[in-house]
PDB file of N, CA and C in Angstrom:
ATOM      1  N   MET A   1       9.855  13.047  15.085  1.00  0.00           N
ATOM      2  CA  MET A   1       9.663  11.661  15.480  1.00  0.00           C
ATOM      3  C   MET A   1       9.769  10.770  14.242  1.00  0.00           C
ATOM      4  N   ALA A   2      10.399   9.629  14.360  1.00  0.00           N
ATOM      5  CA  ALA A   2      10.605   8.707  13.245  1.00  0.00           C
ATOM      6  C   ALA A   2       9.439   7.739  13.065  1.00  0.00           C
ATOM      7  N   ILE A   3       8.621   7.585  14.079  1.00  0.00           N
ATOM      8  CA  ILE A   3       7.523   6.614  14.008  1.00  0.00           C
ATOM      9  C   ILE A   3       6.218   7.326  13.685  1.00  0.00           C
ATOM     10  N   THR A   4       5.538   6.836  12.664  1.00  0.00           N
ATOM     11  CA  THR A   4       4.213   7.336  12.326  1.00  0.00           C
ATOM     12  C   THR A   4       3.208   6.244  12.670  1.00  0.00           C
ATOM     13  N   VAL A   5       2.172   6.613  13.404  1.00  0.00           N
ATOM     14  CA  VAL A   5       1.168   5.643  13.846  1.00  0.00           C
ATOM     15  C   VAL A   5      -0.194   6.051  13.288  1.00  0.00           C
ATOM     16  N   VAL A   6      -0.901   5.078  12.735  1.00  0.00           N
ATOM     17  CA  VAL A   6      -2.280   5.289  12.282  1.00  0.00           C
ATOM     18  C   VAL A   6      -3.144   4.326  13.083  1.00  0.00           C
ATOM     19  N   GLU A   7      -4.097   4.872  13.808  1.00  0.00           N
ATOM     20  CA  GLU A   7      -4.976   4.061  14.651  1.00  0.00           C
ATOM     21  C   GLU A   7      -6.219   3.604  13.880  1.00  0.00           C
ATOM     22  N   ASN A   8      -6.728   2.451  14.247  1.00  0.00           N
ATOM     23  CA  ASN A   8      -8.030   1.964  13.768  1.00  0.00           C
ATOM     24  C   ASN A   8      -8.197   2.049  12.257  1.00  0.00           C
ATOM     25  N   LEU A   9      -7.280   1.441  11.528  1.00  0.00           N
ATOM     26  CA  LEU A   9      -7.308   1.490  10.064  1.00  0.00           C
ATOM     27  C   LEU A   9      -8.657   1.103   9.472  1.00  0.00           C
ATOM     28  N   GLN A  10      -9.246   0.026   9.964  1.00  0.00           N
ATOM     29  CA  GLN A  10     -10.512  -0.446   9.386  1.00  0.00           C
ATOM     30  C   GLN A  10     -11.642   0.562   9.555  1.00  0.00           C
ATOM     31  N   ASP A  11     -11.538   1.424  10.559  1.00  0.00           N
ATOM     32  CA  ASP A  11     -12.595   2.409  10.806  1.00  0.00           C
ATOM     33  C   ASP A  11     -12.501   3.622   9.888  1.00  0.00           C
ATOM     34  N   LEU A  12     -11.432   3.730   9.082  1.00  0.00           N
ATOM     35  CA  LEU A  12     -11.276   4.875   8.189  1.00  0.00           C
ATOM     36  C   LEU A  12     -12.266   4.847   7.026  1.00  0.00           C
ATOM     37  N   VAL A  13     -12.746   3.654   6.671  1.00  0.00           N
ATOM     38  CA  VAL A  13     -13.721   3.524   5.581  1.00  0.00           C
ATOM     39  C   VAL A  13     -14.890   2.681   6.044  1.00  0.00           C
ATOM     40  N   GLU A  14     -16.063   3.004   5.517  1.00  0.00           N
ATOM     41  CA  GLU A  14     -17.269   2.239   5.809  1.00  0.00           C
ATOM     42  C   GLU A  14     -17.825   1.687   4.509  1.00  0.00           C
ATOM     43  N   ILE A  15     -18.426   0.523   4.571  1.00  0.00           N
ATOM     44  CA  ILE A  15     -19.076  -0.052   3.402  1.00  0.00           C
ATOM     45  C   ILE A  15     -20.387   0.707   3.186  1.00  0.00           C
ATOM     46  N   GLU A  16     -20.536   1.280   1.961  1.00  0.00           N
ATOM     47  CA  GLU A  16     -21.720   2.047   1.616  1.00  0.00           C
ATOM     48  C   GLU A  16     -22.454   1.351   0.478  1.00  0.00           C
ATOM     49  N   ALA A  17     -23.760   1.369   0.516  1.00  0.00           N
ATOM     50  CA  ALA A  17     -24.592   0.645  -0.454  1.00  0.00           C
ATOM     51  C   ALA A  17     -24.232   0.988  -1.893  1.00  0.00           C
ATOM     52  N   GLY A  18     -23.862  -0.056  -2.654  1.00  0.00           N
ATOM     53  CA  GLY A  18     -23.659   0.054  -4.086  1.00  0.00           C
ATOM     54  C   GLY A  18     -22.377   0.685  -4.583  1.00  0.00           C
ATOM     55  N   VAL A  19     -21.479   1.056  -3.680  1.00  0.00           N
ATOM     56  CA  VAL A  19     -20.279   1.783  -4.128  1.00  0.00           C
ATOM     57  C   VAL A  19     -18.990   1.267  -3.500  1.00  0.00           C
ATOM     58  N   ARG A  20     -17.888   1.809  -4.018  1.00  0.00           N
ATOM     59  CA  ARG A  20     -16.554   1.598  -3.447  1.00  0.00           C
ATOM     60  C   ARG A  20     -16.125   2.927  -2.844  1.00  0.00           C
ATOM     61  N   THR A  21     -15.564   2.868  -1.641  1.00  0.00           N
ATOM     62  CA  THR A  21     -15.023   4.071  -1.019  1.00  0.00           C
ATOM     63  C   THR A  21     -13.563   3.813  -0.679  1.00  0.00           C
ATOM     64  N   SER A  22     -12.799   4.898  -0.568  1.00  0.00           N
ATOM     65  CA  SER A  22     -11.392   4.758  -0.210  1.00  0.00           C
ATOM     66  C   SER A  22     -10.935   5.981   0.561  1.00  0.00           C
ATOM     67  N   LYS A  23      -9.866   5.779   1.318  1.00  0.00           N
ATOM     68  CA  LYS A  23      -9.297   6.885   2.082  1.00  0.00           C
ATOM     69  C   LYS A  23      -7.805   6.643   2.240  1.00  0.00           C
ATOM     70  N   LEU A  24      -7.022   7.671   1.967  1.00  0.00           N
ATOM     71  CA  LEU A  24      -5.586   7.601   2.174  1.00  0.00           C
ATOM     72  C   LEU A  24      -5.323   7.543   3.674  1.00  0.00           C
ATOM     73  N   ALA A  25      -4.657   6.493   4.117  1.00  0.00           N
ATOM     74  CA  ALA A  25      -4.385   6.319   5.544  1.00  0.00           C
ATOM     75  C   ALA A  25      -2.989   6.801   5.918  1.00  0.00           C
ATOM     76  N   LEU A  26      -2.054   6.717   4.961  1.00  0.00           N
ATOM     77  CA  LEU A  26      -0.663   7.049   5.260  1.00  0.00           C
ATOM     78  C   LEU A  26       0.058   7.386   3.968  1.00  0.00           C
ATOM     79  N   ALA A  27       0.834   8.455   3.982  1.00  0.00           N
ATOM     80  CA  ALA A  27       1.707   8.807   2.858  1.00  0.00           C
ATOM     81  C   ALA A  27       3.026   9.262   3.461  1.00  0.00           C
ATOM     82  N   GLU A  28       3.958   8.357   3.531  1.00  0.00           N
ATOM     83  CA  GLU A  28       5.259   8.621   4.134  1.00  0.00           C
ATOM     84  C   GLU A  28       6.354   8.154   3.195  1.00  0.00           C
ATOM     85  N   ASP A  29       7.578   8.425   3.543  1.00  0.00           N
ATOM     86  CA  ASP A  29       8.718   8.022   2.739  1.00  0.00           C
ATOM     87  C   ASP A  29       8.686   6.516   2.499  1.00  0.00           C
ATOM     88  N   GLY A  30       8.626   6.129   1.243  1.00  0.00           N
ATOM     89  CA  GLY A  30       8.687   4.717   0.902  1.00  0.00           C
ATOM     90  C   GLY A  30       7.365   4.012   0.719  1.00  0.00           C
ATOM     91  N   ALA A  31       6.250   4.607   1.176  1.00  0.00           N
ATOM     92  CA  ALA A  31       4.981   3.881   1.059  1.00  0.00           C
ATOM     93  C   ALA A  31       3.781   4.814   1.166  1.00  0.00           C
ATOM     94  N   ARG A  32       2.710   4.368   0.506  1.00  0.00           N
ATOM     95  CA  ARG A  32       1.374   4.964   0.667  1.00  0.00           C
ATOM     96  C   ARG A  32       0.438   3.833   1.040  1.00  0.00           C
ATOM     97  N   VAL A  33      -0.443   4.065   1.989  1.00  0.00           N
ATOM     98  CA  VAL A  33      -1.421   3.063   2.398  1.00  0.00           C
ATOM     99  C   VAL A  33      -2.807   3.650   2.175  1.00  0.00           C
ATOM    100  N   VAL A  34      -3.630   2.888   1.436  1.00  0.00           N
ATOM    101  CA  VAL A  34      -4.991   3.324   1.132  1.00  0.00           C
ATOM    102  C   VAL A  34      -5.953   2.241   1.623  1.00  0.00           C
ATOM    103  N   MET A  35      -6.970   2.648   2.354  1.00  0.00           N
ATOM    104  CA  MET A  35      -7.998   1.736   2.827  1.00  0.00           C
ATOM    105  C   MET A  35      -9.171   1.793   1.855  1.00  0.00           C
ATOM    106  N   PHE A  36      -9.738   0.606   1.540  1.00  0.00           N
ATOM    107  CA  PHE A  36     -10.870   0.511   0.620  1.00  0.00           C
ATOM    108  C   PHE A  36     -12.016  -0.248   1.285  1.00  0.00           C
ATOM    109  N   ALA A  37     -13.240   0.178   0.963  1.00  0.00           N
ATOM    110  CA  ALA A  37     -14.452  -0.561   1.347  1.00  0.00           C
ATOM    111  C   ALA A  37     -15.298  -0.707   0.088  1.00  0.00           C
ATOM    112  N   PHE A  38     -15.840  -1.901  -0.129  1.00  0.00           N
ATOM    113  CA  PHE A  38     -16.626  -2.204  -1.318  1.00  0.00           C
ATOM    114  C   PHE A  38     -17.944  -2.840  -0.902  1.00  0.00           C
ATOM    115  N   ASP A  39     -19.031  -2.431  -1.532  1.00  0.00           N
ATOM    116  CA  ASP A  39     -20.266  -3.173  -1.407  1.00  0.00           C
ATOM    117  C   ASP A  39     -20.222  -4.275  -2.466  1.00  0.00           C
ATOM    118  N   THR A  40     -21.061  -5.271  -2.340  1.00  0.00           N
ATOM    119  CA  THR A  40     -21.109  -6.365  -3.310  1.00  0.00           C
ATOM    120  C   THR A  40     -21.236  -5.817  -4.723  1.00  0.00           C
ATOM    121  N   GLY A  41     -20.355  -6.291  -5.615  1.00  0.00           N
ATOM    122  CA  GLY A  41     -20.386  -5.872  -7.013  1.00  0.00           C
ATOM    123  C   GLY A  41     -19.611  -4.615  -7.330  1.00  0.00           C
ATOM    124  N   ALA A  42     -19.258  -3.830  -6.329  1.00  0.00           N
ATOM    125  CA  ALA A  42     -18.464  -2.622  -6.569  1.00  0.00           C
ATOM    126  C   ALA A  42     -17.067  -3.032  -7.020  1.00  0.00           C
ATOM    127  N   GLU A  43     -16.409  -2.185  -7.803  1.00  0.00           N
ATOM    128  CA  GLU A  43     -15.116  -2.589  -8.335  1.00  0.00           C
ATOM    129  C   GLU A  43     -14.168  -1.428  -8.570  1.00  0.00           C
ATOM    130  N   LEU A  44     -12.920  -1.807  -8.768  1.00  0.00           N
ATOM    131  CA  LEU A  44     -11.883  -0.938  -9.297  1.00  0.00           C
ATOM    132  C   LEU A  44     -11.597  -1.504 -10.686  1.00  0.00           C
ATOM    133  N   THR A  45     -11.869  -0.748 -11.719  1.00  0.00           N
ATOM    134  CA  THR A  45     -11.614  -1.252 -13.067  1.00  0.00           C
ATOM    135  C   THR A  45     -10.110  -1.333 -13.309  1.00  0.00           C
ATOM    136  N   GLU A  46      -9.739  -2.005 -14.385  1.00  0.00           N
ATOM    137  CA  GLU A  46      -8.318  -2.265 -14.636  1.00  0.00           C
ATOM    138  C   GLU A  46      -7.502  -0.978 -14.647  1.00  0.00           C
ATOM    139  N   HIS A  47      -6.383  -1.033 -13.944  1.00  0.00           N
ATOM    140  CA  HIS A  47      -5.481   0.107 -13.803  1.00  0.00           C
ATOM    141  C   HIS A  47      -4.102  -0.431 -13.442  1.00  0.00           C
ATOM    142  N   THR A  48      -3.126   0.453 -13.283  1.00  0.00           N
ATOM    143  CA  THR A  48      -1.788   0.059 -12.847  1.00  0.00           C
ATOM    144  C   THR A  48      -1.369   0.940 -11.679  1.00  0.00           C
ATOM    145  N   ALA A  49      -0.332   0.515 -10.979  1.00  0.00           N
ATOM    146  CA  ALA A  49       0.241   1.299  -9.886  1.00  0.00           C
ATOM    147  C   ALA A  49       1.694   1.605 -10.245  1.00  0.00           C
ATOM    148  N   PRO A  50       2.213   2.752  -9.820  1.00  0.00           N
ATOM    149  CA  PRO A  50       3.572   3.147 -10.182  1.00  0.00           C
ATOM    150  C   PRO A  50       4.672   2.317  -9.510  1.00  0.00           C
ATOM    151  N   GLY A  51       4.323   1.651  -8.413  1.00  0.00           N
ATOM    152  CA  GLY A  51       5.290   0.822  -7.705  1.00  0.00           C
ATOM    153  C   GLY A  51       4.681  -0.515  -7.368  1.00  0.00           C
ATOM    154  N   PRO A  52       5.480  -1.422  -6.806  1.00  0.00           N
ATOM    155  CA  PRO A  52       4.926  -2.697  -6.357  1.00  0.00           C
ATOM    156  C   PRO A  52       3.822  -2.442  -5.324  1.00  0.00           C
ATOM    157  N   ILE A  53       2.848  -3.355  -5.263  1.00  0.00           N
ATOM    158  CA  ILE A  53       1.766  -3.195  -4.294  1.00  0.00           C
ATOM    159  C   ILE A  53       1.627  -4.449  -3.432  1.00  0.00           C
ATOM    160  N   LEU A  54       1.105  -4.219  -2.233  1.00  0.00           N
ATOM    161  CA  LEU A  54       0.692  -5.280  -1.318  1.00  0.00           C
ATOM    162  C   LEU A  54      -0.785  -5.040  -1.047  1.00  0.00           C
ATOM    163  N   VAL A  55      -1.593  -6.081  -1.172  1.00  0.00           N
ATOM    164  CA  VAL A  55      -3.031  -5.983  -0.913  1.00  0.00           C
ATOM    165  C   VAL A  55      -3.367  -6.985   0.183  1.00  0.00           C
ATOM    166  N   GLN A  56      -3.990  -6.501   1.250  1.00  0.00           N
ATOM    167  CA  GLN A  56      -4.351  -7.357   2.377  1.00  0.00           C
ATOM    168  C   GLN A  56      -5.857  -7.328   2.567  1.00  0.00           C
ATOM    169  N   GLY A  57      -6.464  -8.519   2.622  1.00  0.00           N
ATOM    170  CA  GLY A  57      -7.881  -8.624   2.898  1.00  0.00           C
ATOM    171  C   GLY A  57      -8.164  -8.392   4.370  1.00  0.00           C
ATOM    172  N   LEU A  58      -9.178  -7.573   4.658  1.00  0.00           N
ATOM    173  CA  LEU A  58      -9.545  -7.275   6.048  1.00  0.00           C
ATOM    174  C   LEU A  58     -10.933  -7.793   6.409  1.00  0.00           C
ATOM    175  N   ALA A  59     -11.826  -7.823   5.433  1.00  0.00           N
ATOM    176  CA  ALA A  59     -13.197  -8.318   5.667  1.00  0.00           C
ATOM    177  C   ALA A  59     -13.803  -8.691   4.320  1.00  0.00           C
ATOM    178  N   GLY A  60     -14.642  -9.703   4.305  1.00  0.00           N
ATOM    179  CA  GLY A  60     -15.353 -10.092   3.096  1.00  0.00           C
ATOM    180  C   GLY A  60     -14.499 -10.868   2.110  1.00  0.00           C
ATOM    181  N   ARG A  61     -14.913 -10.814   0.829  1.00  0.00           N
ATOM    182  CA  ARG A  61     -14.220 -11.535  -0.259  1.00  0.00           C
ATOM    183  C   ARG A  61     -14.182 -10.654  -1.492  1.00  0.00           C
ATOM    184  N   LEU A  62     -12.997 -10.554  -2.088  1.00  0.00           N
ATOM    185  CA  LEU A  62     -12.801  -9.755  -3.291  1.00  0.00           C
ATOM    186  C   LEU A  62     -12.134 -10.615  -4.351  1.00  0.00           C
ATOM    187  N   ALA A  63     -12.485 -10.398  -5.611  1.00  0.00           N
ATOM    188  CA  ALA A  63     -11.817 -11.062  -6.725  1.00  0.00           C
ATOM    189  C   ALA A  63     -10.769 -10.092  -7.269  1.00  0.00           C
ATOM    190  N   PHE A  64      -9.503 -10.496  -7.229  1.00  0.00           N
ATOM    191  CA  PHE A  64      -8.394  -9.678  -7.709  1.00  0.00           C
ATOM    192  C   PHE A  64      -7.867 -10.320  -8.977  1.00  0.00           C
ATOM    193  N   SER A  65      -7.894  -9.581 -10.077  1.00  0.00           N
ATOM    194  CA  SER A  65      -7.491 -10.125 -11.380  1.00  0.00           C
ATOM    195  C   SER A  65      -6.279  -9.378 -11.919  1.00  0.00           C
ATOM    196  N   ALA A  66      -5.312 -10.141 -12.449  1.00  0.00           N
ATOM    197  CA  ALA A  66      -4.128  -9.579 -13.088  1.00  0.00           C
ATOM    198  C   ALA A  66      -3.576 -10.615 -14.062  1.00  0.00           C
ATOM    199  N   GLU A  67      -3.286 -10.173 -15.262  1.00  0.00           N
ATOM    200  CA  GLU A  67      -2.663 -11.034 -16.269  1.00  0.00           C
ATOM    201  C   GLU A  67      -3.346 -12.400 -16.401  1.00  0.00           C
ATOM    202  N   ASP A  68      -4.635 -12.393 -16.696  1.00  0.00           N
ATOM    203  CA  ASP A  68      -5.405 -13.622 -16.931  1.00  0.00           C
ATOM    204  C   ASP A  68      -5.455 -14.570 -15.735  1.00  0.00           C
ATOM    205  N   GLU A  69      -5.203 -14.062 -14.550  1.00  0.00           N
ATOM    206  CA  GLU A  69      -5.289 -14.870 -13.326  1.00  0.00           C
ATOM    207  C   GLU A  69      -6.170 -14.117 -12.334  1.00  0.00           C
ATOM    208  N   THR A  70      -7.036 -14.844 -11.623  1.00  0.00           N
ATOM    209  CA  THR A  70      -7.886 -14.235 -10.598  1.00  0.00           C
ATOM    210  C   THR A  70      -7.719 -15.008  -9.302  1.00  0.00           C
ATOM    211  N   VAL A  71      -7.500 -14.274  -8.211  1.00  0.00           N
ATOM    212  CA  VAL A  71      -7.413 -14.881  -6.889  1.00  0.00           C
ATOM    213  C   VAL A  71      -8.383 -14.167  -5.964  1.00  0.00           C
ATOM    214  N   GLU A  72      -8.857 -14.871  -4.946  1.00  0.00           N
ATOM    215  CA  GLU A  72      -9.724 -14.244  -3.946  1.00  0.00           C
ATOM    216  C   GLU A  72      -8.876 -13.617  -2.857  1.00  0.00           C
ATOM    217  N   ILE A  73      -9.250 -12.414  -2.500  1.00  0.00           N
ATOM    218  CA  ILE A  73      -8.652 -11.743  -1.348  1.00  0.00           C
ATOM    219  C   ILE A  73      -9.628 -11.931  -0.206  1.00  0.00           C
ATOM    220  N   VAL A  74      -9.190 -12.569   0.858  1.00  0.00           N
ATOM    221  CA  VAL A  74     -10.012 -12.822   2.043  1.00  0.00           C
ATOM    222  C   VAL A  74      -9.235 -12.348   3.261  1.00  0.00           C
ATOM    223  N   PRO A  75      -9.894 -12.182   4.399  1.00  0.00           N
ATOM    224  CA  PRO A  75      -9.174 -11.751   5.588  1.00  0.00           C
ATOM    225  C   PRO A  75      -7.976 -12.661   5.878  1.00  0.00           C
ATOM    226  N   GLY A  76      -6.843 -12.027   6.129  1.00  0.00           N
ATOM    227  CA  GLY A  76      -5.624 -12.766   6.441  1.00  0.00           C
ATOM    228  C   GLY A  76      -4.779 -13.094   5.230  1.00  0.00           C
ATOM    229  N   ARG A  77      -5.279 -12.847   4.022  1.00  0.00           N
ATOM    230  CA  ARG A  77      -4.518 -13.136   2.798  1.00  0.00           C
ATOM    231  C   ARG A  77      -3.797 -11.869   2.353  1.00  0.00           C
ATOM    232  N   LEU A  78      -2.534 -12.030   1.967  1.00  0.00           N
ATOM    233  CA  LEU A  78      -1.706 -10.930   1.488  1.00  0.00           C
ATOM    234  C   LEU A  78      -1.266 -11.243   0.072  1.00  0.00           C
ATOM    235  N   LEU A  79      -1.368 -10.262  -0.801  1.00  0.00           N
ATOM    236  CA  LEU A  79      -1.042 -10.430  -2.214  1.00  0.00           C
ATOM    237  C   LEU A  79       0.009  -9.401  -2.602  1.00  0.00           C
ATOM    238  N   HIS A  80       0.983  -9.789  -3.404  1.00  0.00           N
ATOM    239  CA  HIS A  80       2.000  -8.871  -3.934  1.00  0.00           C
ATOM    240  C   HIS A  80       1.867  -8.821  -5.444  1.00  0.00           C
ATOM    241  N   LEU A  81       2.044  -7.644  -6.012  1.00  0.00           N
ATOM    242  CA  LEU A  81       1.995  -7.473  -7.460  1.00  0.00           C
ATOM    243  C   LEU A  81       3.105  -6.507  -7.866  1.00  0.00           C
ATOM    244  N   PRO A  82       3.871  -6.847  -8.906  1.00  0.00           N
ATOM    245  CA  PRO A  82       4.936  -5.945  -9.367  1.00  0.00           C
ATOM    246  C   PRO A  82       4.380  -4.617  -9.902  1.00  0.00           C
ATOM    247  N   ALA A  83       5.230  -3.616  -9.940  1.00  0.00           N
ATOM    248  CA  ALA A  83       4.870  -2.297 -10.460  1.00  0.00           C
ATOM    249  C   ALA A  83       4.341  -2.398 -11.888  1.00  0.00           C
ATOM    250  N   ARG A  84       3.392  -1.514 -12.199  1.00  0.00           N
ATOM    251  CA  ARG A  84       2.837  -1.344 -13.542  1.00  0.00           C
ATOM    252  C   ARG A  84       2.152  -2.575 -14.131  1.00  0.00           C
ATOM    253  N   THR A  85       1.753  -3.516 -13.292  1.00  0.00           N
ATOM    254  CA  THR A  85       1.003  -4.683 -13.764  1.00  0.00           C
ATOM    255  C   THR A  85      -0.483  -4.336 -13.783  1.00  0.00           C
ATOM    256  N   PRO A  86      -1.140  -4.410 -14.939  1.00  0.00           N
ATOM    257  CA  PRO A  86      -2.576  -4.114 -14.984  1.00  0.00           C
ATOM    258  C   PRO A  86      -3.357  -5.077 -14.070  1.00  0.00           C
ATOM    259  N   HIS A  87      -4.282  -4.525 -13.301  1.00  0.00           N
ATOM    260  CA  HIS A  87      -5.073  -5.338 -12.382  1.00  0.00           C
ATOM    261  C   HIS A  87      -6.424  -4.677 -12.114  1.00  0.00           C
ATOM    262  N   ALA A  88      -7.372  -5.478 -11.623  1.00  0.00           N
ATOM    263  CA  ALA A  88      -8.715  -5.004 -11.289  1.00  0.00           C
ATOM    264  C   ALA A  88      -9.193  -5.740 -10.046  1.00  0.00           C
ATOM    265  N   VAL A  89     -10.152  -5.126  -9.340  1.00  0.00           N
ATOM    266  CA  VAL A  89     -10.703  -5.706  -8.109  1.00  0.00           C
ATOM    267  C   VAL A  89     -12.228  -5.595  -8.160  1.00  0.00           C
ATOM    268  N   ARG A  90     -12.922  -6.680  -7.765  1.00  0.00           N
ATOM    269  CA  ARG A  90     -14.391  -6.679  -7.705  1.00  0.00           C
ATOM    270  C   ARG A  90     -14.832  -7.360  -6.421  1.00  0.00           C
ATOM    271  N   ALA A  91     -15.776  -6.749  -5.728  1.00  0.00           N
ATOM    272  CA  ALA A  91     -16.265  -7.308  -4.465  1.00  0.00           C
ATOM    273  C   ALA A  91     -17.267  -8.425  -4.706  1.00  0.00           C
ATOM    274  N   LEU A  92     -17.028  -9.570  -4.091  1.00  0.00           N
ATOM    275  CA  LEU A  92     -17.948 -10.701  -4.149  1.00  0.00           C
ATOM    276  C   LEU A  92     -18.985 -10.618  -3.038  1.00  0.00           C
ATOM    277  N   GLU A  93     -18.689  -9.817  -2.030  1.00  0.00           N
ATOM    278  CA  GLU A  93     -19.586  -9.528  -0.911  1.00  0.00           C
ATOM    279  C   GLU A  93     -19.083  -8.242  -0.266  1.00  0.00           C
ATOM    280  N   PRO A  94     -19.805  -7.628   0.664  1.00  0.00           N
ATOM    281  CA  PRO A  94     -19.298  -6.425   1.319  1.00  0.00           C
ATOM    282  C   PRO A  94     -17.904  -6.711   1.899  1.00  0.00           C
ATOM    283  N   SER A  95     -16.934  -5.838   1.576  1.00  0.00           N
ATOM    284  CA  SER A  95     -15.535  -6.155   1.874  1.00  0.00           C
ATOM    285  C   SER A  95     -14.717  -4.909   2.185  1.00  0.00           C
ATOM    286  N   LYS A  96     -13.602  -5.149   2.862  1.00  0.00           N
ATOM    287  CA  LYS A  96     -12.599  -4.112   3.109  1.00  0.00           C
ATOM    288  C   LYS A  96     -11.220  -4.683   2.801  1.00  0.00           C
ATOM    289  N   MET A  97     -10.337  -3.808   2.270  1.00  0.00           N
ATOM    290  CA  MET A  97      -8.962  -4.220   2.005  1.00  0.00           C
ATOM    291  C   MET A  97      -8.031  -3.044   2.257  1.00  0.00           C
ATOM    292  N   MET A  98      -6.774  -3.387   2.481  1.00  0.00           N
ATOM    293  CA  MET A  98      -5.730  -2.385   2.652  1.00  0.00           C
ATOM    294  C   MET A  98      -4.748  -2.534   1.497  1.00  0.00           C
ATOM    295  N   LEU A  99      -4.438  -1.425   0.839  1.00  0.00           N
ATOM    296  CA  LEU A  99      -3.492  -1.388  -0.263  1.00  0.00           C
ATOM    297  C   LEU A  99      -2.257  -0.614   0.171  1.00  0.00           C
ATOM    298  N   THR A 100      -1.076  -1.195  -0.013  1.00  0.00           N
ATOM    299  CA  THR A 100       0.178  -0.497   0.227  1.00  0.00           C
ATOM    300  C   THR A 100       0.913  -0.377  -1.097  1.00  0.00           C
ATOM    301  N   ILE A 101       1.225   0.834  -1.495  1.00  0.00           N
ATOM    302  CA  ILE A 101       2.021   1.080  -2.696  1.00  0.00           C
ATOM    303  C   ILE A 101       3.431   1.399  -2.220  1.00  0.00           C
ATOM    304  N   ILE A 102       4.368   0.609  -2.683  1.00  0.00           N
ATOM    305  CA  ILE A 102       5.766   0.790  -2.286  1.00  0.00           C
ATOM    306  C   ILE A 102       6.434   1.742  -3.269  1.00  0.00           C
ATOM    307  N   ARG A 103       7.000   2.792  -2.760  1.00  0.00           N
ATOM    308  CA  ARG A 103       7.668   3.769  -3.623  1.00  0.00           C
ATOM    309  C   ARG A 103       9.088   3.324  -3.884  1.00  0.00           C
ATOM    310  N   GLN A 104       9.428   3.288  -5.132  1.00  0.00           N
ATOM    311  CA  GLN A 104      10.789   2.916  -5.508  1.00  0.00           C
ATOM    312  C   GLN A 104      11.600   4.182  -5.693  1.00  0.00           C
ATOM    313  N   HIS A 105      12.822   4.172  -5.195  1.00  0.00           N
ATOM    314  CA  HIS A 105      13.675   5.391  -5.306  1.00  0.00           C
ATOM    315  C   HIS A 105      14.663   5.222  -6.423  1.00  0.00           C
TER     316      HIS A 105
END
């Protein structure tokens, strides 16, 4: 079958007190999708991704920082970042986000 379906993405991760959790939701040709849940103050310290990324806010508010710029990720907001750009994420309140890493061939 050519179609891969993942049901109830937001239910794959739960917000847990004081921490960040994540779960791989999809790993298929061309993309990986990872679901994240953050409690207030939890973070992903600065890192890079091997390909371009898309970050979509699903719940709460997150501060996304890259190259001396910080934007809020909120539900309905989509962010794109080029490959290998250093970035970090910090939860401003209990939050969930979806990360898509685009694989370059």
